[in-house]
Protein backbone atom coordinates (compact mmCIF):
# COMPACT_ATOMS: atom_id res chain seq x y z
CA UNK A 1 -15.03 5.26 20.27
CA UNK A 2 -16.51 8.76 20.60
CA UNK A 3 -14.45 11.68 21.81
CA UNK A 4 -16.72 14.50 23.03
CA UNK A 5 -14.38 16.77 24.97
CA UNK A 6 -15.95 19.91 23.54
CA UNK A 7 -19.41 18.68 22.65
CA UNK A 8 -21.51 21.22 20.81
CA UNK A 9 -25.24 21.15 21.53
CA UNK A 10 -26.12 23.58 18.74
CA UNK A 11 -26.19 22.26 15.18
CA UNK A 12 -23.53 24.42 13.56
CA UNK A 13 -20.38 23.92 11.55
CA UNK A 14 -19.66 20.84 9.46
CA UNK A 15 -18.95 17.18 10.15
CA UNK A 16 -16.45 15.31 7.97
CA UNK A 17 -16.80 11.51 7.96
CA UNK A 18 -14.37 9.06 6.34
CA UNK A 19 -14.08 5.31 6.08
CA UNK A 20 -11.25 3.99 8.21
CA UNK A 21 -8.32 2.18 6.61
CA UNK A 22 -5.63 0.06 8.22
CA UNK A 23 -2.32 -1.27 6.97
CA UNK A 24 -1.79 -5.02 6.66
CA UNK A 25 1.42 -6.98 7.07
CA UNK A 26 2.46 -10.22 5.39
CA UNK A 27 3.89 -12.21 8.30
CA UNK A 28 5.11 -15.04 6.08
CA UNK A 29 7.10 -12.72 3.80
CA UNK A 30 8.03 -10.23 6.58
CA UNK A 31 6.91 -7.09 4.80
CA UNK A 32 4.00 -4.63 4.47
CA UNK A 33 1.18 -5.99 2.36
CA UNK A 34 -1.16 -3.21 1.39
CA UNK A 35 -4.18 -2.18 3.41
CA UNK A 36 -7.83 -2.87 4.17
CA UNK A 37 -10.83 -0.55 4.08
CA UNK A 38 -12.48 -1.32 7.40
CA UNK A 39 -16.20 -0.65 6.73
CA UNK A 40 -16.13 1.44 9.92
CA UNK A 41 -16.02 5.22 10.04
CA UNK A 42 -14.35 8.05 11.88
CA UNK A 43 -15.07 11.75 11.75
CA UNK A 44 -14.90 15.16 13.38
CA UNK A 45 -17.08 18.20 13.89
CA UNK A 46 -15.44 21.50 12.94
CA UNK A 47 -16.32 25.16 12.82
CA UNK A 48 -15.31 27.48 10.04
CA UNK A 49 -12.38 28.11 10.07
CA UNK A 50 -11.57 24.56 11.10
CA UNK A 51 -11.41 23.77 14.79
CA UNK A 52 -9.08 20.79 15.15
CA UNK A 53 -10.15 20.31 18.76
CA UNK A 54 -13.81 19.69 17.99
CA UNK A 55 -15.63 16.51 19.05
CA UNK A 56 -14.60 13.38 17.13
CA UNK A 57 -15.40 9.70 16.82
CA UNK A 58 -13.94 6.51 15.37
CA UNK A 59 -14.98 2.91 14.83
CA UNK A 60 -18.69 3.52 14.14
CA UNK A 61 -20.88 1.76 11.60
CA UNK A 62 -22.00 3.76 8.57
CA UNK A 63 -25.48 4.45 9.97
CA UNK A 64 -24.16 5.36 13.41
CA UNK A 65 -21.59 7.72 11.86
CA UNK A 66 -24.27 9.49 9.81
CA UNK A 67 -26.52 9.81 12.86
CA UNK A 68 -23.62 11.28 14.86
CA UNK A 69 -22.88 13.85 12.16
CA UNK A 70 -26.47 14.87 11.45
CA UNK A 71 -27.15 15.38 15.16
CA UNK A 72 -24.33 17.94 15.36
CA UNK A 73 -24.22 19.87 12.10
CA UNK A 74 -26.50 20.85 9.20
CA UNK A 75 -23.60 20.17 6.81
CA UNK A 76 -22.26 16.59 6.73
CA UNK A 77 -19.62 15.43 4.25
CA UNK A 78 -18.85 11.72 3.99
CA UNK A 79 -16.37 9.66 1.98
CA UNK A 80 -16.39 5.87 1.66
CA UNK A 81 -13.32 4.04 0.42
CA UNK A 82 -10.94 6.34 -1.39
CA UNK A 83 -13.58 8.19 -3.36
CA UNK A 84 -14.81 11.76 -3.29
CA UNK A 85 -16.80 13.35 -0.47
CA UNK A 86 -20.60 13.34 -0.73
CA UNK A 87 -23.13 15.56 0.98
CA UNK A 88 -25.26 13.77 3.60
CA UNK A 89 -26.64 16.75 5.52
CA UNK A 90 -29.31 19.42 5.09
CA UNK A 91 -26.88 21.99 3.68
CA UNK A 92 -24.58 21.48 0.71
CA UNK A 93 -22.72 24.77 0.11
CA UNK A 94 -19.86 23.01 -1.70
CA UNK A 95 -22.19 21.48 -4.30
CA UNK A 96 -21.08 17.91 -3.60
CA UNK A 97 -22.82 14.87 -5.04
CA UNK A 98 -25.63 13.73 -2.78
CA UNK A 99 -25.32 10.70 -0.51
CA UNK A 100 -25.60 7.78 -1.06
CA UNK A 101 -23.70 7.07 -4.30
CA UNK A 102 -25.37 4.61 -6.68
CA UNK A 103 -22.51 2.10 -6.44
CA UNK A 104 -22.38 1.91 -2.63
CA UNK A 105 -22.27 -1.80 -1.71
CA UNK A 106 -24.87 -2.94 0.83
CA UNK A 107 -23.91 -4.18 3.29
CA UNK A 108 -20.51 -2.51 3.37
CA UNK A 109 -17.80 -5.02 4.34
CA UNK A 110 -14.13 -4.96 5.22
CA UNK A 111 -12.19 -5.24 1.94
CA UNK A 112 -9.10 -4.38 -0.04
CA UNK A 113 -9.10 -1.10 -1.98
CA UNK A 114 -10.00 -1.85 -5.63
CA UNK A 115 -6.45 -1.24 -6.84
CA UNK A 116 -5.20 -3.90 -4.43
CA UNK A 117 -7.65 -6.64 -5.45
CA UNK A 118 -4.74 -8.63 -6.93
CA UNK A 119 -3.61 -9.34 -3.36
CA UNK A 120 -6.73 -11.46 -2.87
CA UNK A 121 -5.95 -13.91 -5.67
CA UNK A 122 -5.55 -17.57 -4.70
CA UNK A 123 -3.93 -20.69 -6.12
CA UNK A 124 -7.11 -21.70 -7.98
CA UNK A 125 -7.26 -18.51 -10.06
CA UNK A 126 -6.08 -18.55 -13.70
CA UNK A 127 -2.40 -17.52 -14.11
CA UNK A 128 -1.73 -13.88 -14.92
CA UNK A 129 1.40 -11.91 -15.75
CA UNK A 130 3.47 -10.48 -12.89
CA UNK A 131 6.31 -7.99 -12.98
CA UNK A 132 9.10 -9.34 -10.80
CA UNK A 133 12.01 -7.68 -9.05
CA UNK A 134 14.66 -10.07 -7.75
CA UNK A 135 17.02 -8.24 -5.44
CA UNK A 136 20.37 -9.98 -4.89
CA UNK A 137 22.24 -8.49 -1.94
CA UNK A 138 25.94 -9.30 -1.36
CA UNK A 139 27.18 -10.04 2.18
CA UNK A 140 29.50 -7.00 2.32
CA UNK A 141 28.45 -4.25 -0.11
CA UNK A 142 31.38 -2.01 0.78
CA UNK A 143 33.80 -4.53 -0.78
CA UNK A 144 32.21 -3.73 -4.12
CA UNK A 145 33.98 -0.37 -4.14
CA UNK A 146 37.05 -2.36 -5.24
CA UNK A 147 37.92 -4.71 -8.09
CA UNK A 148 35.65 -7.28 -6.39
CA UNK A 149 32.80 -5.59 -8.18
CA UNK A 150 33.52 -7.21 -11.54
CA UNK A 151 33.27 -10.65 -9.89
CA UNK A 152 29.88 -9.78 -8.44
CA UNK A 153 28.64 -8.51 -11.77
CA UNK A 154 29.71 -11.67 -13.57
CA UNK A 155 27.48 -13.52 -11.09
CA UNK A 156 24.63 -11.09 -11.73
CA UNK A 157 24.95 -11.52 -15.51
CA UNK A 158 24.74 -15.30 -15.09
CA UNK A 159 21.74 -15.02 -12.79
CA UNK A 160 20.00 -12.61 -15.18
CA UNK A 161 20.39 -15.02 -18.09
CA UNK A 162 19.23 -17.99 -16.06
CA UNK A 163 16.04 -16.38 -14.77
CA UNK A 164 15.22 -14.75 -18.11
CA UNK A 165 15.54 -11.17 -16.88
CA UNK A 166 14.92 -8.41 -19.38
CA UNK A 167 17.53 -6.22 -17.63
CA UNK A 168 19.22 -5.57 -14.30
CA UNK A 169 20.47 -2.52 -12.39
CA UNK A 170 22.59 -1.68 -9.35
CA UNK A 171 20.72 1.38 -8.04
CA UNK A 172 20.17 0.06 -4.48
CA UNK A 173 23.85 -0.92 -4.21
CA UNK A 174 25.21 2.35 -5.63
CA UNK A 175 22.97 4.48 -3.42
CA UNK A 176 24.31 2.64 -0.38
CA UNK A 177 27.98 2.72 -1.38
CA UNK A 178 27.96 6.39 -2.30
CA UNK A 179 25.58 7.39 0.54
CA UNK A 180 22.99 8.91 -1.76
CA UNK A 181 20.18 7.85 0.54
CA UNK A 182 17.57 10.05 -1.17
CA UNK A 183 17.90 7.94 -4.30
CA UNK A 184 17.63 4.53 -2.62
CA UNK A 185 14.83 2.73 -4.50
CA UNK A 186 11.66 1.69 -2.73
CA UNK A 187 10.41 -1.87 -2.91
CA UNK A 188 6.90 -2.94 -1.99
CA UNK A 189 5.17 -0.46 0.32
CA UNK A 190 7.58 2.19 1.58
CA UNK A 191 10.24 -0.39 2.31
CA UNK A 192 13.81 0.60 1.41
CA UNK A 193 15.57 -1.97 -0.75
CA UNK A 194 18.73 -3.50 0.80
CA UNK A 195 21.98 -2.68 -1.05
CA UNK A 196 22.24 -5.03 -3.99
CA UNK A 197 21.42 -5.70 -7.63
CA UNK A 198 17.89 -5.84 -9.06
CA UNK A 199 16.89 -8.28 -11.78
CA UNK A 200 13.71 -7.42 -13.69
CA UNK A 201 11.59 -10.11 -15.31
CA UNK A 202 8.02 -11.27 -16.01
CA UNK A 203 6.46 -14.45 -14.63
CA UNK A 204 3.03 -16.03 -15.08
CA UNK A 205 1.41 -17.44 -11.95
CA UNK A 206 -1.88 -17.40 -10.07
CA UNK A 207 -0.66 -15.37 -7.09
CA UNK A 208 2.11 -12.93 -6.29
CA UNK A 209 3.73 -15.35 -3.82
CA UNK A 210 3.70 -18.16 -6.41
CA UNK A 211 5.33 -15.83 -8.95
CA UNK A 212 8.02 -14.90 -6.43
CA UNK A 213 8.73 -18.55 -5.62
CA UNK A 214 8.91 -19.43 -9.32
CA UNK A 215 11.37 -16.63 -10.04
CA UNK A 216 13.63 -17.53 -7.11
CA UNK A 217 13.66 -21.19 -8.18
CA UNK A 218 15.28 -20.17 -11.48
CA UNK A 219 18.31 -18.61 -9.78
CA UNK A 220 21.68 -20.35 -9.89
CA UNK A 221 23.28 -21.25 -6.57
CA UNK A 222 24.65 -18.06 -5.01
CA UNK A 223 27.84 -17.75 -2.94
CA UNK A 224 27.47 -17.97 0.80
CA UNK A 225 26.09 -14.84 2.41
CA UNK A 226 24.16 -13.52 -0.57
CA UNK A 227 20.51 -12.76 0.17
CA UNK A 228 17.54 -12.77 -2.20
CA UNK A 229 14.33 -10.79 -2.00
CA UNK A 230 11.62 -11.31 -4.62
CA UNK A 231 8.74 -8.87 -5.05
CA UNK A 232 5.91 -9.31 -7.54
CA UNK A 233 3.72 -6.51 -8.87
CA UNK A 234 0.61 -6.88 -11.06
CA UNK A 235 1.17 -6.52 -14.81
CA UNK A 236 4.06 -7.51 -17.03
């Protein structure tokens, strides 16, 4: 979609072009699941100093985006993926590397960012090591302000031994009980961990979901009301 409210007919200023990225969501596990680079581009024409109300576009192919920019400005800066900007216009006052980069894939397709390639693994891939967090959340965290806490921690010690955890901590629980919300740990992608205990372990499996299932299967039976969330990260 092209937004040309203030179209400029003279080739001045600079056009910045970037590859669009969108978040993905794992419906099965009910949580954010990284992102995709879309292989489509958005951008905006600006003056110097920047004019945030200049004409803009989104959802164009690479060639269409470059044509849009070059038709409006002698200076065009473009970034694909999460890399650095390159110069794709007539002027290059910033001394950027020239477009196109040698490693630009042709054709450019929708894909995961390179650092998220582990999310594309499937059951047929060789097993690799995963770092697991098992979060065990009690039904009423506030009760753990009392002597009930030692009972909960006996359960956590048993669970930690049974799953082969290297260690465990209570940071999400303590942050909730003592209202230190700034210190509540994050789990996954910007998702706040529920109040509970975290068990840390390593599991070998082909995929992150298989590693999570394998870790949960090791747990002893938990009292009614306890909830479990498993999250796998690449590496051990």
